[in-house]
Amino acid sequence: QDMNEDLNAQLLTRCINEGKTLVNDTKAKSLATELEHLTKEELMAKLQEVECVNINLKSYVDKIILTILEKNPSILEITNR
């Protein structure tokens, strides 16, 4: 039981670190600065890059939600306070 909890904690920590990395990679420049002098082809390449990041972020969020659902689904409940 303890080993299972440790492994789950390690998985959650890894997922959180992966998410932070994904978010930090996209914060480097403002969008206006980045797109200011690009050609149409370069803009399309940037769009594909952003779509790839979005796919990775979606995967990350899915992993986190699945882990929460397995371990403690009550923390996903929305309560009116």
C-alpha atoms as a PDB file:
ATOM      1  CA  GLN A   1       0.000   0.000   0.000  1.00  0.00           C
ATOM      2  CA  ASP A   2       2.764   2.457   0.963  1.00  0.00           C
ATOM      3  CA  MET A   3       4.754   1.594  -2.145  1.00  0.00           C
ATOM      4  CA  ASN A   4       1.677   2.205  -4.305  1.00  0.00           C
ATOM      5  CA  GLU A   5       1.139   5.600  -2.675  1.00  0.00           C
ATOM      6  CA  ASP A   6       4.809   6.484  -3.193  1.00  0.00           C
ATOM      7  CA  LEU A   7       4.615   5.546  -6.870  1.00  0.00           C
ATOM      8  CA  ASN A   8       1.457   7.599  -7.298  1.00  0.00           C
ATOM      9  CA  ALA A   9       3.102  10.577  -5.618  1.00  0.00           C
ATOM     10  CA  GLN A  10       6.100  10.213  -7.928  1.00  0.00           C
ATOM     11  CA  LEU A  11       3.810  10.054 -10.969  1.00  0.00           C
ATOM     12  CA  LEU A  12       1.921  13.146  -9.865  1.00  0.00           C
ATOM     13  CA  THR A  13       5.176  15.025  -9.234  1.00  0.00           C
ATOM     14  CA  ARG A  14       6.479  14.035 -12.659  1.00  0.00           C
ATOM     15  CA  CYS A  15       3.249  15.171 -14.313  1.00  0.00           C
ATOM     16  CA  ILE A  16       3.351  18.507 -12.506  1.00  0.00           C
ATOM     17  CA  ASN A  17       6.963  19.084 -13.533  1.00  0.00           C
ATOM     18  CA  GLU A  18       6.131  18.146 -17.123  1.00  0.00           C
ATOM     19  CA  GLY A  19       3.264  20.628 -17.121  1.00  0.00           C
ATOM     20  CA  LYS A  20       5.457  23.390 -15.727  1.00  0.00           C
ATOM     21  CA  THR A  21       8.011  22.716 -18.452  1.00  0.00           C
ATOM     22  CA  LEU A  22       5.352  22.886 -21.156  1.00  0.00           C
ATOM     23  CA  VAL A  23       3.979  26.159 -19.820  1.00  0.00           C
ATOM     24  CA  ASN A  24       7.403  27.757 -19.316  1.00  0.00           C
ATOM     25  CA  ASP A  25       8.474  26.879 -22.857  1.00  0.00           C
ATOM     26  CA  THR A  26       5.623  28.995 -24.217  1.00  0.00           C
ATOM     27  CA  LYS A  27       6.221  32.055 -21.986  1.00  0.00           C
ATOM     28  CA  ALA A  28       9.514  33.157 -23.519  1.00  0.00           C
ATOM     29  CA  LYS A  29       8.191  35.908 -25.826  1.00  0.00           C
ATOM     30  CA  SER A  30       5.031  37.892 -26.281  1.00  0.00           C
ATOM     31  CA  LEU A  31       2.893  36.808 -29.207  1.00  0.00           C
ATOM     32  CA  ALA A  32       3.112  40.200 -30.917  1.00  0.00           C
ATOM     33  CA  THR A  33       6.908  40.242 -30.730  1.00  0.00           C
ATOM     34  CA  GLU A  34       7.145  36.705 -31.985  1.00  0.00           C
ATOM     35  CA  LEU A  35       4.811  37.167 -34.966  1.00  0.00           C
ATOM     36  CA  GLU A  36       5.672  40.715 -35.983  1.00  0.00           C
ATOM     37  CA  HIS A  37       7.960  40.013 -38.957  1.00  0.00           C
ATOM     38  CA  LEU A  38       6.987  36.503 -40.025  1.00  0.00           C
ATOM     39  CA  THR A  39       5.968  35.372 -43.484  1.00  0.00           C
ATOM     40  CA  LYS A  40       2.806  33.354 -44.086  1.00  0.00           C
ATOM     41  CA  GLU A  41       4.838  30.136 -44.164  1.00  0.00           C
ATOM     42  CA  GLU A  42       6.541  31.008 -40.896  1.00  0.00           C
ATOM     43  CA  LEU A  43       3.172  31.853 -39.337  1.00  0.00           C
ATOM     44  CA  MET A  44       1.797  28.485 -40.424  1.00  0.00           C
ATOM     45  CA  ALA A  45       4.827  26.756 -38.904  1.00  0.00           C
ATOM     46  CA  LYS A  46       4.254  28.662 -35.648  1.00  0.00           C
ATOM     47  CA  LEU A  47       0.600  27.628 -35.718  1.00  0.00           C
ATOM     48  CA  GLN A  48       1.595  23.986 -36.031  1.00  0.00           C
ATOM     49  CA  GLU A  49       4.045  24.438 -33.162  1.00  0.00           C
ATOM     50  CA  VAL A  50       1.318  25.930 -30.959  1.00  0.00           C
ATOM     51  CA  GLU A  51      -1.042  23.113 -31.891  1.00  0.00           C
ATOM     52  CA  CYS A  52       1.622  20.609 -30.841  1.00  0.00           C
ATOM     53  CA  VAL A  53       2.054  22.373 -27.490  1.00  0.00           C
ATOM     54  CA  ASN A  54      -1.726  22.339 -27.024  1.00  0.00           C
ATOM     55  CA  ILE A  55      -1.830  18.595 -27.683  1.00  0.00           C
ATOM     56  CA  ASN A  56       0.930  18.059 -25.109  1.00  0.00           C
ATOM     57  CA  LEU A  57      -0.879  20.235 -22.563  1.00  0.00           C
ATOM     58  CA  LYS A  58      -4.134  18.363 -23.164  1.00  0.00           C
ATOM     59  CA  SER A  59      -2.336  15.071 -22.616  1.00  0.00           C
ATOM     60  CA  TYR A  60      -0.805  16.412 -19.415  1.00  0.00           C
ATOM     61  CA  VAL A  61      -4.175  17.601 -18.088  1.00  0.00           C
ATOM     62  CA  ASP A  62      -5.761  14.270 -19.005  1.00  0.00           C
ATOM     63  CA  LYS A  63      -3.070  12.401 -17.035  1.00  0.00           C
ATOM     64  CA  ILE A  64      -3.594  14.631 -14.014  1.00  0.00           C
ATOM     65  CA  ILE A  65      -7.381  14.241 -14.122  1.00  0.00           C
ATOM     66  CA  LEU A  66      -7.133  10.465 -14.474  1.00  0.00           C
ATOM     67  CA  THR A  67      -4.753  10.301 -11.529  1.00  0.00           C
ATOM     68  CA  ILE A  68      -7.113  12.428  -9.444  1.00  0.00           C
ATOM     69  CA  LEU A  69     -10.108  10.311 -10.460  1.00  0.00           C
ATOM     70  CA  GLU A  70      -8.265   7.177  -9.381  1.00  0.00           C
ATOM     71  CA  LYS A  71      -6.999   8.555  -6.075  1.00  0.00           C
ATOM     72  CA  ASN A  72      -9.381  11.213  -4.795  1.00  0.00           C
ATOM     73  CA  PRO A  73     -12.236  12.171  -7.139  1.00  0.00           C
ATOM     74  CA  SER A  74     -13.889  14.309  -4.474  1.00  0.00           C
ATOM     75  CA  ILE A  75     -11.355  17.098  -5.035  1.00  0.00           C
ATOM     76  CA  LEU A  76     -12.808  17.612  -8.515  1.00  0.00           C
ATOM     77  CA  GLU A  77     -16.253  18.349  -7.124  1.00  0.00           C
ATOM     78  CA  ILE A  78     -17.403  21.938  -7.468  1.00  0.00           C
ATOM     79  CA  THR A  79     -19.081  23.281  -4.380  1.00  0.00           C
ATOM     80  CA  ASN A  80     -20.942  26.557  -3.993  1.00  0.00           C
ATOM     81  CA  ARG A  81     -19.413  28.540  -1.173  1.00  0.00           C
END
